[in-house]
C-alpha cells in the first residue's frame, strides 16, 4: 500500500483536523455556558442544582474525550508530516 499525499494536501488535511478540534472545543464551551445561563437565572432549586451537576459531569467527560482526541490528532499530524517528508526526500 502506498500513500500518495503531497505536502500541500497533507497540510490541508492537518488544517481540517485542527478546525474540527476547534469546533469540538467551541461546542463543549457552548454546552457548559448554556447550562450556566439556565441554572443561574430564573431556574433555581434542587432540580436546577442536580441538572447543573449532571451537565458539569458531562462537560468534564466531554473535555476528557477532547483531550484524548487531541493526543491522537497531534500524533496523526506528526505522522502525516513525517510520511510526507520521507516521500519528498
N, C-alpha and C. Protein backbone atom coordinates (compact mmCIF):
# COMPACT_ATOMS: atom_id res chain seq x y z
N UNK A 1 0.84 -1.17 0.00
CA UNK A 1 0.00 0.00 0.00
C UNK A 1 0.89 1.24 0.00
N UNK A 2 0.59 2.15 -0.87
CA UNK A 2 1.37 3.38 -0.93
C UNK A 2 0.50 4.56 -0.55
N UNK A 3 1.17 5.56 -0.07
CA UNK A 3 0.50 6.79 0.32
C UNK A 3 0.90 7.86 -0.68
N UNK A 4 -0.06 8.40 -1.35
CA UNK A 4 0.20 9.49 -2.28
C UNK A 4 -0.43 10.75 -1.71
N UNK A 5 0.40 11.55 -1.12
CA UNK A 5 -0.08 12.78 -0.47
C UNK A 5 1.00 13.83 -0.64
N UNK A 6 0.65 14.91 -1.30
CA UNK A 6 1.62 15.99 -1.47
C UNK A 6 1.71 16.78 -0.17
N UNK A 7 2.78 17.53 0.00
CA UNK A 7 2.88 18.36 1.21
C UNK A 7 1.69 19.31 1.37
N UNK A 8 1.21 19.89 0.28
CA UNK A 8 0.07 20.81 0.40
C UNK A 8 -1.21 20.06 0.76
N UNK A 9 -1.38 18.85 0.22
CA UNK A 9 -2.55 18.04 0.59
C UNK A 9 -2.47 17.64 2.07
N UNK A 10 -1.27 17.30 2.51
CA UNK A 10 -1.09 16.93 3.91
C UNK A 10 -1.43 18.10 4.83
N UNK A 11 -0.94 19.28 4.49
CA UNK A 11 -1.24 20.45 5.32
C UNK A 11 -2.72 20.78 5.31
N UNK A 12 -3.39 20.56 4.16
CA UNK A 12 -4.84 20.80 4.09
C UNK A 12 -5.57 19.83 5.02
N UNK A 13 -5.15 18.57 5.06
CA UNK A 13 -5.76 17.59 5.96
C UNK A 13 -5.52 17.97 7.41
N UNK A 14 -4.32 18.41 7.71
CA UNK A 14 -3.99 18.83 9.07
C UNK A 14 -4.83 20.03 9.48
N UNK A 15 -5.03 20.96 8.56
CA UNK A 15 -5.89 22.12 8.83
C UNK A 15 -7.31 21.67 9.13
N UNK A 16 -7.81 20.69 8.38
CA UNK A 16 -9.15 20.15 8.63
C UNK A 16 -9.25 19.56 10.03
N UNK A 17 -8.24 18.83 10.44
CA UNK A 17 -8.23 18.24 11.78
C UNK A 17 -8.24 19.35 12.83
N UNK A 18 -7.40 20.36 12.65
CA UNK A 18 -7.34 21.47 13.60
C UNK A 18 -8.67 22.19 13.70
N UNK A 19 -9.32 22.42 12.55
CA UNK A 19 -10.62 23.10 12.55
C UNK A 19 -11.68 22.25 13.25
N UNK A 20 -11.67 20.96 12.99
CA UNK A 20 -12.65 20.06 13.64
C UNK A 20 -12.45 20.05 15.15
N UNK A 21 -11.21 20.01 15.59
CA UNK A 21 -10.94 20.02 17.03
C UNK A 21 -11.35 21.36 17.64
N UNK A 22 -11.11 22.44 16.93
CA UNK A 22 -11.55 23.76 17.42
C UNK A 22 -13.06 23.83 17.53
N UNK A 23 -13.76 23.29 16.53
CA UNK A 23 -15.23 23.27 16.57
C UNK A 23 -15.73 22.44 17.74
N UNK A 24 -15.07 21.35 18.02
CA UNK A 24 -15.45 20.49 19.14
C UNK A 24 -15.27 21.22 20.47
N UNK A 25 -14.16 21.92 20.62
CA UNK A 25 -13.92 22.69 21.86
C UNK A 25 -14.96 23.80 22.01
N UNK A 26 -15.31 24.45 20.90
CA UNK A 26 -16.32 25.51 20.93
C UNK A 26 -17.67 24.94 21.36
N UNK A 27 -18.04 23.80 20.81
CA UNK A 27 -19.31 23.17 21.18
C UNK A 27 -19.33 22.81 22.66
N UNK A 28 -18.25 22.26 23.16
CA UNK A 28 -18.18 21.91 24.58
C UNK A 28 -18.36 23.16 25.45
N UNK A 29 -17.74 24.25 25.06
CA UNK A 29 -17.88 25.50 25.79
C UNK A 29 -19.30 26.03 25.76
N UNK A 30 -19.95 25.92 24.61
CA UNK A 30 -21.34 26.39 24.48
C UNK A 30 -22.28 25.59 25.37
N UNK A 31 -22.06 24.28 25.44
CA UNK A 31 -22.91 23.44 26.28
C UNK A 31 -22.79 23.87 27.74
N UNK A 32 -21.57 24.08 28.20
CA UNK A 32 -21.38 24.49 29.59
C UNK A 32 -21.92 25.89 29.82
N UNK A 33 -21.70 26.80 28.88
CA UNK A 33 -22.24 28.16 29.00
C UNK A 33 -23.76 28.15 29.06
N UNK A 34 -24.39 27.33 28.24
CA UNK A 34 -25.86 27.24 28.25
C UNK A 34 -26.36 26.72 29.59
N UNK A 35 -25.67 25.74 30.12
CA UNK A 35 -26.04 25.20 31.43
C UNK A 35 -25.92 26.28 32.50
N UNK A 36 -24.83 27.03 32.47
CA UNK A 36 -24.64 28.12 33.43
C UNK A 36 -25.77 29.14 33.33
N UNK A 37 -26.10 29.51 32.11
CA UNK A 37 -27.16 30.50 31.89
C UNK A 37 -28.49 30.00 32.42
N UNK A 38 -28.81 28.74 32.13
CA UNK A 38 -30.10 28.19 32.54
C UNK A 38 -30.21 28.06 34.05
N UNK A 39 -29.12 27.68 34.70
CA UNK A 39 -29.21 27.38 36.14
C UNK A 39 -28.78 28.53 37.03
N UNK A 40 -28.38 29.64 36.46
CA UNK A 40 -28.03 30.78 37.30
C UNK A 40 -29.04 31.91 37.14
N UNK A 41 -30.04 31.69 36.31
CA UNK A 41 -31.06 32.71 36.10
C UNK A 41 -32.28 32.43 36.95
N UNK A 42 -33.39 32.29 36.28
CA UNK A 42 -34.65 32.12 36.99
C UNK A 42 -34.90 30.68 37.44
N UNK A 43 -34.16 29.74 36.91
CA UNK A 43 -34.36 28.35 37.31
C UNK A 43 -33.44 28.05 38.49
N UNK A 44 -34.03 27.95 39.66
CA UNK A 44 -33.27 27.71 40.89
C UNK A 44 -33.85 26.50 41.60
N UNK A 45 -33.20 26.08 42.63
CA UNK A 45 -33.72 24.98 43.43
C UNK A 45 -32.96 23.69 43.21
N UNK A 46 -33.47 22.65 43.86
CA UNK A 46 -32.81 21.36 43.85
C UNK A 46 -32.66 20.74 42.48
N UNK A 47 -33.71 20.81 41.69
CA UNK A 47 -33.64 20.20 40.35
C UNK A 47 -32.64 20.94 39.46
N UNK A 48 -32.56 22.23 39.61
CA UNK A 48 -31.58 23.01 38.84
C UNK A 48 -30.17 22.61 39.25
N UNK A 49 -29.95 22.42 40.54
CA UNK A 49 -28.63 22.01 41.02
C UNK A 49 -28.27 20.61 40.51
N UNK A 50 -29.25 19.70 40.53
CA UNK A 50 -29.00 18.35 40.02
C UNK A 50 -28.66 18.40 38.53
N UNK A 51 -29.45 19.17 37.77
CA UNK A 51 -29.20 19.30 36.34
C UNK A 51 -27.81 19.88 36.09
N UNK A 52 -27.48 20.91 36.85
CA UNK A 52 -26.17 21.55 36.69
C UNK A 52 -25.05 20.56 36.98
N UNK A 53 -25.21 19.76 38.03
CA UNK A 53 -24.20 18.76 38.36
C UNK A 53 -24.03 17.72 37.26
N UNK A 54 -25.15 17.26 36.73
CA UNK A 54 -25.11 16.28 35.65
C UNK A 54 -24.43 16.88 34.42
N UNK A 55 -24.81 18.08 34.06
CA UNK A 55 -24.23 18.71 32.86
C UNK A 55 -22.75 19.05 33.07
N UNK A 56 -22.38 19.39 34.29
CA UNK A 56 -20.97 19.64 34.57
C UNK A 56 -20.17 18.35 34.41
N UNK A 57 -20.73 17.24 34.87
CA UNK A 57 -20.06 15.95 34.70
C UNK A 57 -19.96 15.60 33.22
N UNK A 58 -21.02 15.85 32.47
CA UNK A 58 -20.97 15.62 31.02
C UNK A 58 -19.87 16.46 30.39
N UNK A 59 -19.77 17.71 30.81
CA UNK A 59 -18.75 18.60 30.26
C UNK A 59 -17.35 18.08 30.60
N UNK A 60 -17.18 17.61 31.84
CA UNK A 60 -15.88 17.03 32.22
C UNK A 60 -15.55 15.81 31.37
N UNK A 61 -16.55 14.95 31.16
CA UNK A 61 -16.35 13.77 30.32
C UNK A 61 -16.02 14.16 28.88
N UNK A 62 -16.76 15.15 28.38
CA UNK A 62 -16.55 15.64 27.02
C UNK A 62 -15.13 16.19 26.88
N UNK A 63 -14.69 16.95 27.87
CA UNK A 63 -13.34 17.52 27.83
C UNK A 63 -12.28 16.43 27.91
N UNK A 64 -12.55 15.37 28.65
CA UNK A 64 -11.62 14.24 28.70
C UNK A 64 -11.49 13.61 27.30
N UNK A 65 -12.63 13.38 26.66
CA UNK A 65 -12.62 12.80 25.31
C UNK A 65 -11.90 13.74 24.34
N UNK A 66 -12.16 15.03 24.46
CA UNK A 66 -11.48 16.01 23.60
C UNK A 66 -9.97 15.92 23.81
N UNK A 67 -9.55 15.80 25.06
CA UNK A 67 -8.12 15.67 25.36
C UNK A 67 -7.51 14.43 24.72
N UNK A 68 -8.23 13.31 24.80
CA UNK A 68 -7.75 12.08 24.19
C UNK A 68 -7.69 12.21 22.67
N UNK A 69 -8.73 12.80 22.09
CA UNK A 69 -8.75 13.00 20.63
C UNK A 69 -7.64 13.95 20.20
N UNK A 70 -7.35 14.94 21.02
CA UNK A 70 -6.28 15.88 20.70
C UNK A 70 -4.95 15.15 20.64
N UNK A 71 -4.71 14.25 21.58
CA UNK A 71 -3.47 13.47 21.56
C UNK A 71 -3.37 12.62 20.28
N UNK A 72 -4.47 11.98 19.92
CA UNK A 72 -4.49 11.17 18.70
C UNK A 72 -4.26 12.06 17.47
N UNK A 73 -4.93 13.21 17.45
CA UNK A 73 -4.81 14.13 16.31
C UNK A 73 -3.38 14.65 16.19
N UNK A 74 -2.77 15.02 17.31
CA UNK A 74 -1.40 15.53 17.26
C UNK A 74 -0.43 14.46 16.77
N UNK A 75 -0.61 13.22 17.23
CA UNK A 75 0.24 12.14 16.75
C UNK A 75 0.02 11.91 15.26
N UNK A 76 -1.24 11.90 14.85
CA UNK A 76 -1.55 11.72 13.43
C UNK A 76 -0.96 12.81 12.56
N UNK A 77 -1.05 14.04 13.04
CA UNK A 77 -0.48 15.16 12.28
C UNK A 77 1.03 15.00 12.15
N UNK A 78 1.67 14.60 13.23
CA UNK A 78 3.11 14.38 13.17
C UNK A 78 3.48 13.25 12.22
N UNK A 79 2.69 12.18 12.28
CA UNK A 79 2.93 11.04 11.39
C UNK A 79 2.75 11.43 9.92
N UNK A 80 1.71 12.21 9.64
CA UNK A 80 1.48 12.67 8.26
C UNK A 80 2.66 13.49 7.78
N UNK A 81 3.11 14.40 8.61
CA UNK A 81 4.25 15.25 8.21
C UNK A 81 5.50 14.40 7.99
N UNK A 82 5.71 13.42 8.84
CA UNK A 82 6.87 12.54 8.69
C UNK A 82 6.80 11.76 7.38
N UNK A 83 5.62 11.18 7.10
CA UNK A 83 5.46 10.43 5.85
C UNK A 83 5.67 11.30 4.63
N UNK A 84 5.10 12.49 4.66
CA UNK A 84 5.24 13.39 3.51
C UNK A 84 6.69 13.81 3.34
N UNK A 85 7.39 14.08 4.44
CA UNK A 85 8.79 14.50 4.32
C UNK A 85 9.65 13.35 3.78
N UNK A 86 9.33 12.11 4.14
CA UNK A 86 10.08 10.97 3.59
C UNK A 86 9.79 10.79 2.10
N UNK A 87 8.55 11.05 1.71
CA UNK A 87 8.18 10.92 0.29
C UNK A 87 8.85 11.97 -0.57
N UNK A 88 9.11 13.15 -0.01
CA UNK A 88 9.70 14.23 -0.80
C UNK A 88 11.22 14.16 -0.82
N UNK A 89 11.80 13.33 0.04
CA UNK A 89 13.27 13.20 0.07
C UNK A 89 13.78 12.37 -1.08
